[in-house]
Amino acid sequence: MNRFIALTKVLFKNTGSSIVTNGNTKQKLKSYLIVLFLIVCFLPMAISLGAFTNKAYGVLSSINQEGLILGLGFGIGSMLIFIFGIFYVMGTFYFSMDIENLLHLPFKPSDILGAKFVIVLAFEYLTEFVVLLPILIGYGVGSKGGVLYYLYSFITFLTLPVVPLIIASLIVMVIMRFTNIAKNKDRFKVVGGMIAIVISVAINLFIQRTSQSGASTEEIKNMIISGNNSLIGLATKIFPNSKFAAYGVAQSSNLSGAVNMLVFLIIAIAAIIIFILVGDMLYLKGVIGISETTSRRKKLTSDELKKNTKQNSIIKSYTIKEIRILLRTPAYFMNCVLMNFLWPVVILIPMFTNSNGMSDIHEFGKFILKPDIIGTALACAVAIVVVITASSPVASTAISREGHNFFTNKYLPVDYRIQIMSKVFSAFILGIFSMLILLVVLIPFIRPSVILVVLIVLAGTLGILFSSFTGVLVDINSPKLNWDNEQKAVKQNLNVFLGMLPCLVYSGAIAFIVFKFKLSIVVASVILVGAFGVIDIILYRFLMTKGVSMYGKIN
């Protein structure tokens, strides 16, 4: 236990220093101001969610179904924790650079697993602060909850992420256990991570289909009429353990509330025991030698040598280098590249889990082709493309991913302008692929007109260039070079959010203007192309002047 506590403290200290810069006073102040800025940004959303929960309580309490709020909140929160947990677990358990050092120290597998699990759990609490805490406070104010309500809420807040995270951890450990059978470790880590994500998506699909097919319309009506918070069970089918938490908090004033909370805690404790037992069997076998790499030795003929050493332009070669690093580094591939292509899957899930999903999407396709709607549809589609590409860390961590090796860029005989633009182009190319895949997936279902698709591609291309410029500029201004884990460079980097925020505001403002004035598709396309074209030119010139100066001052 002492070893576990000591290791947890060290990992917490290391993680905290990676979020708040350990540089001079000015750098520390800048880090604290960024954290404060993020809190201010999320605060209105949290307050709005709490106010909505309070009003919803008044409506649902009239039919004695107020517990539905907690059921939905706990169920959705658990699903978000599970999805994020897949990525956090892979990065923290397996892709962390401290793994090889820890294996040589006198720690049991359970000590390492437990300490790293606590670190991941701490990050999931941030998700709960935004999603779950406002719901608990809003419900407590509406129900005039007593001491037991807030005590049970506190216990639930601390314990709810445990089961989803353990499920995510078990999936990842089973997949990564087979890493050692592959000769190419990096490639198999990527394949293993993709398999883990596919399994998690499949589980998500299965659970959602099961939860939606579990009760007919007539049964739901009878539940509503019967009252007694009978809808909680329906809302928490995604993660059944959250049902006991919802009943426990909702019935905190009764003995049944204590019983449900006890069952909820027993499930969490049982999950922890299973996690430790399975971890002792699988973790070391999956993590030992995970950083090893292999290479093929092949004698090249003169023709093969000429083919592999053909001359390219500097910017093309540097851009290809950036993309290859993204594809070959497991942590970067999982968080930067793969995330670009998961959006179509996320969008398709409701279609396959909802019995009326296909017919609804066809009706939606007809609706957006109306003359007074198609302009807004174009603006919203472009805004979605911009926000999706901006949410990818490719551009906003372009400098941070260099880490301590950034100084080598200053010794390369390559102009800073070319280095900067190659990072922009790598993000731009991946963004274009993401947009095209999204369109290819959605076109057969929505069936938009050809002109709408062409305009989305045209304006979306300029929008992707805007998000690429913005992300690189944000990272040049404040790169995170001090990290010991590639995962930290992309997942624990505030620049990702700071790069996404202006893209969200700018594209959202354009879409709002088009919607507000019900502009035609012609006018909307002119505004979109003009707005993104102008901002692209401004950002390009800024990067090629002030940006180059900032790039040269990075140390």
Protein backbone atom coordinates (compact mmCIF):
# COMPACT_ATOMS: atom_id res chain seq x y z
CA MET A 1 0.00 0.00 0.00
CA ASN A 2 2.86 2.39 0.83
CA ARG A 3 4.46 1.72 -2.56
CA PHE A 4 1.14 2.39 -4.30
CA ILE A 5 0.63 5.69 -2.45
CA ALA A 6 4.21 6.83 -3.10
CA LEU A 7 3.99 6.01 -6.81
CA THR A 8 0.62 7.74 -7.11
CA LYS A 9 2.04 10.91 -5.55
CA VAL A 10 4.98 10.92 -7.97
CA LEU A 11 2.74 10.38 -11.01
CA PHE A 12 0.37 13.12 -9.83
CA LYS A 13 3.27 15.53 -9.40
CA ASN A 14 4.58 14.68 -12.84
CA THR A 15 1.14 15.07 -14.42
CA GLY A 16 0.51 18.38 -12.67
CA SER A 17 3.81 19.81 -13.84
CA SER A 18 2.97 18.84 -17.42
CA ILE A 19 -0.24 20.87 -17.30
CA VAL A 20 1.16 23.93 -15.50
CA THR A 21 4.53 24.93 -16.93
CA ASN A 22 7.53 24.62 -14.63
CA GLY A 23 9.34 27.54 -16.26
CA ASN A 24 9.75 31.10 -15.05
CA THR A 25 7.11 33.15 -13.27
CA LYS A 26 5.78 34.57 -16.54
CA GLN A 27 5.26 31.09 -18.01
CA LYS A 28 3.58 29.83 -14.84
CA LEU A 29 1.27 32.86 -14.78
CA LYS A 30 0.39 32.22 -18.41
CA SER A 31 -0.48 28.59 -17.64
CA TYR A 32 -2.68 29.59 -14.69
CA LEU A 33 -4.43 32.23 -16.81
CA ILE A 34 -5.16 29.64 -19.50
CA VAL A 35 -6.66 27.28 -16.90
CA LEU A 36 -8.75 30.16 -15.52
CA PHE A 37 -9.86 31.02 -19.05
CA LEU A 38 -11.03 27.44 -19.63
CA ILE A 39 -12.99 27.49 -16.38
CA VAL A 40 -14.67 30.74 -17.42
CA CYS A 41 -15.52 29.23 -20.83
CA PHE A 42 -17.13 26.10 -19.36
CA LEU A 43 -18.83 27.87 -16.45
CA PRO A 44 -21.81 29.26 -18.45
CA MET A 45 -22.50 25.81 -19.90
CA ALA A 46 -22.38 24.23 -16.44
CA ILE A 47 -24.68 26.91 -14.99
CA SER A 48 -27.13 26.46 -17.88
CA LEU A 49 -27.15 22.68 -17.38
CA GLY A 50 -27.80 23.11 -13.67
CA ALA A 51 -30.63 25.58 -14.32
CA PHE A 52 -32.16 23.24 -16.91
CA THR A 53 -31.97 20.35 -14.43
CA ASN A 54 -33.73 22.47 -11.81
CA LYS A 55 -36.59 23.29 -14.21
CA ALA A 56 -36.82 19.71 -15.46
CA TYR A 57 -37.15 18.55 -11.86
CA GLY A 58 -40.25 20.71 -11.44
CA VAL A 59 -41.85 19.19 -14.54
CA LEU A 60 -40.99 15.54 -13.85
CA SER A 61 -41.73 15.66 -10.13
CA SER A 62 -45.41 16.29 -10.98
CA ILE A 63 -45.58 12.73 -12.38
CA ASN A 64 -43.16 11.32 -9.80
CA GLN A 65 -40.47 10.65 -12.42
CA GLU A 66 -37.87 13.18 -11.30
CA GLY A 67 -35.32 10.37 -10.88
CA LEU A 68 -35.18 10.15 -14.68
CA ILE A 69 -32.87 13.20 -14.60
CA LEU A 70 -30.34 11.35 -12.47
CA GLY A 71 -30.72 8.17 -14.52
CA LEU A 72 -30.00 9.97 -17.79
CA GLY A 73 -27.18 12.00 -16.26
CA PHE A 74 -25.45 8.97 -14.75
CA GLY A 75 -25.99 6.84 -17.87
CA ILE A 76 -24.69 9.44 -20.33
CA GLY A 77 -21.85 10.38 -17.99
CA SER A 78 -20.78 6.74 -17.71
CA MET A 79 -20.80 6.34 -21.50
CA LEU A 80 -18.64 9.45 -21.98
CA ILE A 81 -16.22 8.22 -19.33
CA PHE A 82 -16.05 4.82 -21.05
CA ILE A 83 -15.32 6.33 -24.48
CA PHE A 84 -12.71 8.79 -23.21
CA GLY A 85 -11.33 6.08 -20.96
CA ILE A 86 -10.32 3.88 -23.91
CA PHE A 87 -7.91 6.58 -25.10
CA TYR A 88 -6.72 7.63 -21.64
CA VAL A 89 -6.02 4.03 -20.60
CA MET A 90 -4.08 3.20 -23.76
CA GLY A 91 -1.94 6.31 -23.39
CA THR A 92 -1.35 6.11 -19.64
CA PHE A 93 -1.01 2.34 -19.21
CA TYR A 94 0.98 1.50 -22.34
CA PHE A 95 2.25 4.50 -24.34
CA SER A 96 3.78 6.39 -21.41
CA MET A 97 7.55 6.84 -21.52
CA ASP A 98 7.87 6.08 -17.80
CA ILE A 99 6.76 2.46 -18.22
CA GLU A 100 10.23 1.01 -18.86
CA ASN A 101 11.64 2.82 -15.81
CA LEU A 102 8.83 1.67 -13.52
CA LEU A 103 9.25 -1.97 -14.53
CA HIS A 104 12.78 -2.00 -13.10
CA LEU A 105 11.66 -0.65 -9.73
CA PRO A 106 10.35 -2.84 -6.86
CA PHE A 107 6.69 -2.37 -7.74
CA LYS A 108 4.06 -5.04 -8.16
CA PRO A 109 1.89 -4.90 -11.32
CA SER A 110 -1.03 -3.95 -9.07
CA ASP A 111 0.96 -0.96 -7.73
CA ILE A 112 1.69 0.38 -11.22
CA LEU A 113 -1.82 -0.35 -12.49
CA GLY A 114 -3.45 1.16 -9.41
CA ALA A 115 -1.40 4.36 -9.53
CA LYS A 116 -1.99 4.85 -13.25
CA PHE A 117 -5.68 4.05 -12.82
CA VAL A 118 -5.94 6.82 -10.21
CA ILE A 119 -4.33 9.27 -12.66
CA VAL A 120 -6.84 8.37 -15.38
CA LEU A 121 -9.65 8.55 -12.83
CA ALA A 122 -8.58 12.09 -11.88
CA PHE A 123 -8.87 13.21 -15.51
CA GLU A 124 -12.33 11.64 -15.76
CA TYR A 125 -13.39 13.74 -12.77
CA LEU A 126 -12.88 16.76 -15.05
CA THR A 127 -15.53 15.30 -17.36
CA GLU A 128 -17.82 14.84 -14.38
CA PHE A 129 -17.29 18.43 -13.26
CA VAL A 130 -18.73 19.63 -16.57
CA VAL A 131 -21.45 17.01 -17.11
CA LEU A 132 -22.46 15.51 -13.77
CA LEU A 133 -21.82 18.12 -11.07
CA PRO A 134 -24.31 20.70 -12.49
CA ILE A 135 -26.98 17.97 -12.66
CA LEU A 136 -26.42 16.94 -9.05
CA ILE A 137 -26.51 20.55 -7.82
CA GLY A 138 -29.55 21.46 -9.94
CA TYR A 139 -31.41 18.35 -8.75
CA GLY A 140 -30.45 19.03 -5.13
CA VAL A 141 -31.73 22.61 -5.28
CA GLY A 142 -34.97 21.52 -6.95
CA SER A 143 -35.60 18.68 -4.51
CA LYS A 144 -34.40 20.65 -1.48
CA GLY A 145 -32.09 17.73 -0.75
CA GLY A 146 -30.84 17.15 2.75
CA VAL A 147 -27.51 16.05 4.14
CA LEU A 148 -27.93 12.46 2.94
CA TYR A 149 -28.66 13.63 -0.61
CA TYR A 150 -25.41 15.55 -0.85
CA LEU A 151 -23.50 12.77 0.91
CA TYR A 152 -24.79 10.18 -1.59
CA SER A 153 -24.14 12.61 -4.45
CA PHE A 154 -20.55 13.04 -3.31
CA ILE A 155 -20.06 9.27 -3.07
CA THR A 156 -21.59 8.81 -6.52
CA PHE A 157 -19.43 11.55 -8.01
CA LEU A 158 -16.28 9.82 -6.74
CA THR A 159 -17.35 6.27 -7.56
CA LEU A 160 -19.38 6.46 -10.79
CA PRO A 161 -16.36 6.51 -13.17
CA VAL A 162 -14.84 3.38 -11.61
CA VAL A 163 -16.88 0.72 -13.44
CA PRO A 164 -16.80 2.32 -16.95
CA LEU A 165 -13.05 2.92 -16.59
CA ILE A 166 -12.41 -0.64 -15.45
CA ILE A 167 -14.39 -2.02 -18.40
CA ALA A 168 -12.32 0.17 -20.73
CA SER A 169 -9.12 -0.96 -18.97
CA LEU A 170 -9.99 -4.66 -19.24
CA ILE A 171 -10.72 -4.33 -22.97
CA VAL A 172 -7.40 -2.55 -23.56
CA MET A 173 -5.40 -5.00 -21.41
CA VAL A 174 -6.81 -8.04 -23.20
CA ILE A 175 -6.02 -6.53 -26.61
CA MET A 176 -2.55 -5.23 -25.69
CA ARG A 177 -1.62 -8.54 -24.05
CA PHE A 178 -0.83 -9.85 -27.54
CA THR A 179 1.56 -7.02 -28.40
CA ASN A 180 4.58 -9.18 -27.61
CA ILE A 181 3.75 -11.72 -30.33
CA ALA A 182 4.33 -9.14 -33.05
CA LYS A 183 7.72 -8.26 -34.48
CA ASN A 184 6.71 -4.70 -35.31
CA LYS A 185 5.72 -3.35 -31.89
CA ASP A 186 4.59 0.10 -32.99
CA ARG A 187 2.43 -1.25 -35.78
CA PHE A 188 0.81 -3.82 -33.54
CA LYS A 189 0.20 -1.23 -30.81
CA VAL A 190 -1.71 0.80 -33.38
CA VAL A 191 -3.65 -2.25 -34.56
CA GLY A 192 -4.35 -3.25 -30.96
CA GLY A 193 -5.62 0.22 -30.15
CA MET A 194 -7.88 0.20 -33.20
CA ILE A 195 -9.28 -3.20 -32.21
CA ALA A 196 -9.98 -1.87 -28.71
CA ILE A 197 -11.86 1.11 -30.17
CA VAL A 198 -13.83 -1.13 -32.55
CA ILE A 199 -14.81 -3.38 -29.65
CA SER A 200 -15.86 -0.37 -27.55
CA VAL A 201 -17.98 0.99 -30.42
CA ALA A 202 -19.54 -2.46 -30.93
CA ILE A 203 -20.37 -2.65 -27.22
CA ASN A 204 -21.86 0.84 -27.44
CA LEU A 205 -24.03 -0.20 -30.40
CA PHE A 206 -25.17 -3.38 -28.67
CA ILE A 207 -26.03 -1.63 -25.41
CA GLN A 208 -27.93 1.16 -27.16
CA ARG A 209 -29.92 -1.27 -29.31
CA THR A 210 -30.68 -3.38 -26.26
CA SER A 211 -31.76 -0.36 -24.21
CA GLN A 212 -34.00 0.95 -26.99
CA SER A 213 -35.61 -2.41 -27.69
CA GLY A 214 -36.12 -3.23 -24.06
CA ALA A 215 -39.49 -1.55 -23.67
CA SER A 216 -42.38 -0.89 -26.02
CA THR A 217 -44.22 2.39 -26.27
CA GLU A 218 -47.09 0.96 -24.25
CA GLU A 219 -44.76 -0.20 -21.49
CA ILE A 220 -43.14 3.24 -21.32
CA LYS A 221 -46.59 4.83 -21.00
CA ASN A 222 -47.42 2.48 -18.14
CA MET A 223 -44.12 3.37 -16.44
CA ILE A 224 -44.92 7.07 -16.69
CA ILE A 225 -48.41 6.55 -15.28
CA SER A 226 -47.16 4.36 -12.43
CA GLY A 227 -44.69 7.05 -11.27
CA ASN A 228 -42.30 6.00 -8.50
CA ASN A 229 -39.27 6.88 -10.68
CA SER A 230 -39.88 3.76 -12.76
CA LEU A 231 -38.14 5.29 -15.80
CA ILE A 232 -34.75 5.21 -14.06
CA GLY A 233 -34.23 1.57 -15.02
CA LEU A 234 -34.92 2.35 -18.68
CA ALA A 235 -32.56 5.33 -18.71
CA THR A 236 -29.67 3.46 -17.09
CA LYS A 237 -29.57 0.35 -19.27
CA ILE A 238 -26.39 1.65 -20.90
CA PHE A 239 -24.50 0.99 -17.63
CA PRO A 240 -26.76 -0.94 -15.24
CA ASN A 241 -24.63 -0.12 -12.18
CA SER A 242 -25.64 3.53 -12.58
CA LYS A 243 -29.24 2.46 -11.93
CA PHE A 244 -28.43 1.74 -8.29
CA ALA A 245 -26.65 5.08 -7.96
CA ALA A 246 -29.65 6.92 -9.46
CA TYR A 247 -32.12 5.15 -7.16
CA GLY A 248 -29.84 5.68 -4.17
CA VAL A 249 -29.50 9.44 -4.72
CA ALA A 250 -33.16 9.92 -5.71
CA GLN A 251 -34.39 7.99 -2.65
CA SER A 252 -31.77 9.34 -0.25
CA SER A 253 -34.37 10.07 2.42
CA ASN A 254 -35.52 6.41 2.53
CA LEU A 255 -33.90 3.16 3.61
CA SER A 256 -34.13 1.92 0.01
CA GLY A 257 -31.73 4.71 -0.96
CA ALA A 258 -29.10 3.39 1.45
CA VAL A 259 -29.60 -0.17 0.16
CA ASN A 260 -29.16 0.94 -3.47
CA MET A 261 -26.04 2.92 -2.61
CA LEU A 262 -24.62 -0.12 -0.82
CA VAL A 263 -25.24 -2.30 -3.89
CA PHE A 264 -23.65 0.38 -6.10
CA LEU A 265 -20.53 0.45 -3.92
CA ILE A 266 -20.33 -3.36 -3.78
CA ILE A 267 -20.37 -3.47 -7.60
CA ALA A 268 -17.57 -0.88 -7.72
CA ILE A 269 -15.47 -2.82 -5.16
CA ALA A 270 -16.04 -6.09 -7.05
CA ALA A 271 -14.97 -4.38 -10.29
CA ILE A 272 -11.76 -3.13 -8.61
CA ILE A 273 -10.95 -6.65 -7.36
CA ILE A 274 -11.49 -8.09 -10.85
CA PHE A 275 -9.35 -5.30 -12.31
CA ILE A 276 -6.45 -6.09 -9.95
CA LEU A 277 -6.66 -9.86 -10.53
CA VAL A 278 -6.85 -9.58 -14.32
CA GLY A 279 -4.19 -6.87 -14.31
CA ASP A 280 -1.76 -9.08 -12.39
CA MET A 281 -2.22 -11.76 -15.06
CA LEU A 282 -2.14 -9.62 -18.21
CA TYR A 283 -0.46 -6.27 -17.66
CA LEU A 284 3.22 -7.24 -17.40
CA LYS A 285 2.96 -9.62 -20.35
CA GLY A 286 1.49 -6.84 -22.44
CA VAL A 287 3.77 -4.01 -21.38
CA ILE A 288 7.23 -5.64 -21.18
CA GLY A 289 9.22 -4.73 -24.26
CA ILE A 290 6.46 -2.51 -25.62
CA SER A 291 8.97 0.20 -26.52
CA GLU A 292 11.12 -2.17 -28.57
CA THR A 293 11.27 -1.70 -32.31
CA THR A 294 12.49 -3.81 -35.20
CA SER A 295 13.69 -3.04 -38.66
CA ARG A 296 14.01 -5.03 -41.84
CA ARG A 297 17.41 -5.45 -43.40
CA LYS A 298 17.22 -5.62 -47.14
CA LYS A 299 19.89 -5.20 -49.76
CA LEU A 300 18.66 -2.67 -52.29
CA THR A 301 19.41 -2.85 -55.98
CA SER A 302 20.60 0.26 -57.78
CA ASP A 303 17.12 0.77 -59.28
CA GLU A 304 15.45 0.45 -55.85
CA LEU A 305 17.97 2.87 -54.38
CA LYS A 306 17.23 5.46 -57.07
CA LYS A 307 13.49 5.00 -56.55
CA ASN A 308 13.74 5.44 -52.77
CA THR A 309 16.09 8.41 -52.95
CA LYS A 310 14.40 10.51 -55.61
CA GLN A 311 14.58 14.23 -55.03
CA ASN A 312 11.51 16.14 -53.81
CA SER A 313 10.87 19.74 -52.97
CA ILE A 314 11.81 20.69 -49.42
CA ILE A 315 8.27 21.52 -48.32
CA LYS A 316 6.90 18.27 -49.81
CA SER A 317 9.58 16.19 -48.06
CA TYR A 318 9.02 17.97 -44.74
CA THR A 319 5.24 17.57 -45.00
CA ILE A 320 5.62 13.84 -45.74
CA LYS A 321 7.92 13.58 -42.72
CA GLU A 322 5.26 15.19 -40.49
CA ILE A 323 2.55 12.83 -41.75
CA ARG A 324 4.76 9.75 -41.37
CA ILE A 325 5.48 10.64 -37.74
CA LEU A 326 1.74 10.96 -37.12
CA LEU A 327 1.07 7.59 -38.75
CA ARG A 328 3.96 5.68 -37.16
CA THR A 329 3.75 6.93 -33.58
CA PRO A 330 0.93 5.00 -31.84
CA ALA A 331 -0.09 7.80 -29.46
CA TYR A 332 -0.22 10.35 -32.28
CA PHE A 333 -2.02 8.00 -34.64
CA MET A 334 -4.70 7.13 -32.07
CA ASN A 335 -5.34 10.69 -30.91
CA CYS A 336 -4.63 12.77 -34.02
CA VAL A 337 -5.24 10.65 -37.10
CA LEU A 338 -7.82 8.10 -36.01
CA MET A 339 -9.96 10.71 -34.25
CA ASN A 340 -10.46 12.43 -37.62
CA PHE A 341 -12.09 9.30 -38.98
CA LEU A 342 -14.19 8.34 -35.96
CA TRP A 343 -16.73 11.11 -36.53
CA PRO A 344 -18.60 9.24 -39.30
CA VAL A 345 -18.91 6.27 -36.93
CA VAL A 346 -20.23 8.52 -34.14
CA ILE A 347 -22.80 10.01 -36.53
CA LEU A 348 -23.88 6.61 -37.85
CA ILE A 349 -24.41 5.03 -34.41
CA PRO A 350 -27.84 6.69 -33.85
CA MET A 351 -28.95 5.56 -37.32
CA PHE A 352 -28.28 1.90 -36.58
CA THR A 353 -29.50 1.96 -32.98
CA ASN A 354 -32.78 3.73 -33.72
CA SER A 355 -35.43 1.77 -35.60
CA ASN A 356 -36.64 4.96 -37.30
CA GLY A 357 -33.14 6.33 -37.86
CA MET A 358 -32.95 5.66 -41.60
CA SER A 359 -36.37 7.09 -42.41
CA ASP A 360 -35.68 10.13 -40.23
CA ILE A 361 -32.39 10.84 -41.99
CA HIS A 362 -34.08 10.62 -45.41
CA GLU A 363 -36.69 13.12 -44.26
CA PHE A 364 -33.93 15.36 -42.97
CA GLY A 365 -32.25 15.21 -46.38
CA LYS A 366 -35.46 16.40 -48.06
CA PHE A 367 -35.89 19.16 -45.48
CA ILE A 368 -32.45 20.75 -46.00
CA LEU A 369 -33.01 21.01 -49.76
CA LYS A 370 -35.84 23.52 -49.30
CA PRO A 371 -34.92 26.91 -50.86
CA ASP A 372 -35.20 28.80 -47.55
CA ILE A 373 -33.19 26.15 -45.66
CA ILE A 374 -30.41 25.07 -48.03
CA GLY A 375 -28.28 28.17 -47.35
CA THR A 376 -28.37 27.48 -43.61
CA ALA A 377 -27.64 23.80 -44.28
CA LEU A 378 -24.52 24.79 -46.24
CA ALA A 379 -23.28 27.13 -43.50
CA CYS A 380 -23.94 24.57 -40.75
CA ALA A 381 -22.23 21.79 -42.71
CA VAL A 382 -19.12 23.92 -43.23
CA ALA A 383 -19.13 24.93 -39.54
CA ILE A 384 -19.31 21.25 -38.53
CA VAL A 385 -16.39 20.41 -40.83
CA VAL A 386 -14.31 23.27 -39.38
CA VAL A 387 -15.06 22.33 -35.75
CA ILE A 388 -14.36 18.62 -36.35
CA THR A 389 -10.98 19.34 -37.94
CA ALA A 390 -10.17 21.93 -35.27
CA SER A 391 -10.94 19.39 -32.53
CA SER A 392 -8.18 17.17 -33.91
CA PRO A 393 -4.83 17.89 -32.20
CA VAL A 394 -2.83 17.66 -35.46
CA ALA A 395 -2.39 21.42 -35.94
CA SER A 396 -2.68 22.63 -32.34
CA THR A 397 0.09 20.27 -31.15
CA ALA A 398 2.32 20.52 -34.24
CA ILE A 399 5.16 22.18 -32.31
CA SER A 400 4.45 20.47 -28.97
CA ARG A 401 4.93 17.02 -30.52
CA GLU A 402 8.58 17.89 -31.16
CA GLY A 403 9.21 17.85 -27.41
CA HIS A 404 12.81 18.19 -26.27
CA ASN A 405 13.96 17.50 -29.84
CA PHE A 406 12.62 20.82 -31.11
CA PHE A 407 16.07 22.41 -30.92
CA THR A 408 17.16 20.22 -33.88
CA ASN A 409 14.80 22.21 -36.13
CA LYS A 410 16.98 25.27 -35.60
CA TYR A 411 20.03 23.47 -36.97
CA LEU A 412 18.33 22.10 -40.07
CA PRO A 413 19.09 23.92 -43.34
CA VAL A 414 15.36 24.50 -43.79
CA ASP A 415 13.73 27.92 -43.71
CA TYR A 416 11.39 28.48 -40.74
CA ARG A 417 8.61 29.40 -43.18
CA ILE A 418 8.85 25.98 -44.80
CA GLN A 419 8.89 24.22 -41.43
CA ILE A 420 5.77 26.10 -40.32
CA MET A 421 3.87 25.57 -43.59
CA SER A 422 4.70 21.85 -43.64
CA LYS A 423 3.00 21.54 -40.25
CA VAL A 424 0.00 23.48 -41.60
CA PHE A 425 -0.16 21.28 -44.71
CA SER A 426 -0.01 18.02 -42.72
CA ALA A 427 -3.03 19.12 -40.67
CA PHE A 428 -4.75 20.42 -43.80
CA ILE A 429 -4.31 17.14 -45.72
CA LEU A 430 -5.67 15.02 -42.87
CA GLY A 431 -8.56 17.47 -42.47
CA ILE A 432 -9.44 17.15 -46.17
CA PHE A 433 -9.47 13.34 -45.88
CA SER A 434 -11.72 13.62 -42.82
CA MET A 435 -14.18 15.89 -44.67
CA LEU A 436 -14.30 13.63 -47.74
CA ILE A 437 -14.88 10.49 -45.66
CA LEU A 438 -17.65 12.25 -43.73
CA LEU A 439 -19.33 13.26 -46.99
CA VAL A 440 -18.94 9.80 -48.55
CA VAL A 441 -20.57 8.21 -45.50
CA LEU A 442 -23.47 10.69 -45.25
CA ILE A 443 -24.30 11.32 -48.93
CA PRO A 444 -26.08 7.94 -49.48
CA PHE A 445 -28.33 8.63 -46.48
CA ILE A 446 -29.02 12.37 -46.77
CA ARG A 447 -28.90 12.49 -50.61
CA PRO A 448 -28.00 16.18 -50.97
CA SER A 449 -27.85 17.95 -54.33
CA VAL A 450 -24.59 17.98 -56.29
CA ILE A 451 -24.28 21.77 -56.02
CA LEU A 452 -24.60 21.57 -52.21
CA VAL A 453 -21.84 18.94 -52.00
CA VAL A 454 -19.53 20.97 -54.28
CA LEU A 455 -20.06 24.13 -52.22
CA ILE A 456 -19.47 22.25 -48.96
CA VAL A 457 -16.16 20.94 -50.33
CA LEU A 458 -15.13 24.40 -51.62
CA ALA A 459 -15.99 26.37 -48.48
CA GLY A 460 -14.97 23.47 -46.23
CA THR A 461 -11.50 23.39 -47.79
CA LEU A 462 -10.98 27.06 -46.93
CA GLY A 463 -12.40 26.39 -43.46
CA ILE A 464 -9.99 23.50 -42.88
CA LEU A 465 -7.10 25.75 -43.92
CA PHE A 466 -8.36 28.30 -41.37
CA SER A 467 -8.42 25.71 -38.57
CA SER A 468 -4.93 24.51 -39.57
CA PHE A 469 -3.51 28.04 -39.51
CA THR A 470 -5.20 28.76 -36.17
CA GLY A 471 -3.99 25.56 -34.50
CA VAL A 472 -0.37 25.99 -35.59
CA LEU A 473 -0.41 29.66 -34.55
CA VAL A 474 -1.72 28.80 -31.07
CA ASP A 475 0.95 26.13 -30.63
CA ILE A 476 3.75 28.41 -31.84
CA ASN A 477 2.67 30.99 -29.29
CA SER A 478 2.76 28.55 -26.36
CA PRO A 479 4.18 25.11 -27.22
CA LYS A 480 4.24 22.33 -24.64
CA LEU A 481 7.71 20.87 -25.14
CA ASN A 482 8.31 19.53 -21.62
CA TRP A 483 6.69 16.10 -21.60
CA ASP A 484 7.81 12.53 -20.91
CA ASN A 485 4.84 10.87 -22.58
CA GLU A 486 3.70 11.36 -26.17
CA GLN A 487 0.14 11.07 -24.90
CA LYS A 488 0.62 14.21 -22.79
CA ALA A 489 1.66 16.22 -25.84
CA VAL A 490 -1.72 15.66 -27.49
CA LYS A 491 -4.22 14.73 -24.74
CA GLN A 492 -3.06 16.91 -21.84
CA ASN A 493 -2.43 19.98 -23.96
CA LEU A 494 -4.63 23.04 -23.46
CA ASN A 495 -3.64 24.30 -26.91
CA VAL A 496 -6.10 21.83 -28.45
CA PHE A 497 -9.01 23.64 -26.84
CA LEU A 498 -7.50 27.09 -27.43
CA GLY A 499 -7.10 26.24 -31.12
CA MET A 500 -10.65 24.94 -31.40
CA LEU A 501 -12.33 27.89 -29.65
CA PRO A 502 -11.76 30.59 -32.34
CA CYS A 503 -12.79 28.11 -35.05
CA LEU A 504 -16.00 27.35 -33.17
CA VAL A 505 -16.78 31.04 -32.62
CA TYR A 506 -15.91 32.21 -36.15
CA SER A 507 -17.68 29.42 -38.07
CA GLY A 508 -20.61 29.49 -35.63
CA ALA A 509 -21.02 33.25 -36.10
CA ILE A 510 -21.12 32.86 -39.90
CA ALA A 511 -23.68 30.05 -39.64
CA PHE A 512 -25.80 32.16 -37.26
CA ILE A 513 -25.80 35.11 -39.68
CA VAL A 514 -26.89 32.88 -42.57
CA PHE A 515 -29.62 31.33 -40.41
CA LYS A 516 -30.79 34.65 -38.94
CA PHE A 517 -31.29 36.32 -42.31
CA LYS A 518 -32.37 33.12 -44.13
CA LEU A 519 -29.84 33.73 -46.89
CA SER A 520 -30.01 31.82 -50.16
CA ILE A 521 -27.39 29.24 -51.07
CA VAL A 522 -25.74 31.67 -53.50
CA VAL A 523 -25.36 34.46 -50.94
CA ALA A 524 -24.37 31.98 -48.21
CA SER A 525 -21.65 30.45 -50.40
CA VAL A 526 -20.25 33.90 -51.27
CA ILE A 527 -20.14 34.86 -47.57
CA LEU A 528 -18.52 31.56 -46.55
CA VAL A 529 -15.86 31.63 -49.27
CA GLY A 530 -15.18 35.33 -48.69
CA ALA A 531 -15.04 35.10 -44.89
CA PHE A 532 -12.76 32.06 -44.78
CA GLY A 533 -10.68 33.24 -47.75
CA VAL A 534 -9.95 36.62 -46.14
CA ILE A 535 -9.10 35.17 -42.73
CA ASP A 536 -6.83 32.57 -44.39
CA ILE A 537 -4.85 35.31 -46.15
CA ILE A 538 -4.53 37.30 -42.92
CA LEU A 539 -3.38 34.28 -40.91
CA TYR A 540 -0.93 33.20 -43.63
CA ARG A 541 0.73 36.60 -43.71
CA PHE A 542 0.83 36.73 -39.92
CA LEU A 543 2.44 33.28 -39.71
CA MET A 544 5.01 34.15 -42.37
CA THR A 545 6.07 37.30 -40.51
CA LYS A 546 5.29 37.41 -36.80
CA GLY A 547 4.89 33.63 -36.64
CA VAL A 548 8.40 33.07 -37.97
CA SER A 549 9.78 35.41 -35.31
CA MET A 550 7.85 33.55 -32.57
CA TYR A 551 9.05 30.20 -33.95
CA GLY A 552 12.67 31.35 -33.77
CA LYS A 553 12.31 32.38 -30.12
CA ILE A 554 11.05 28.96 -28.96
CA ASN A 555 13.58 27.26 -26.72
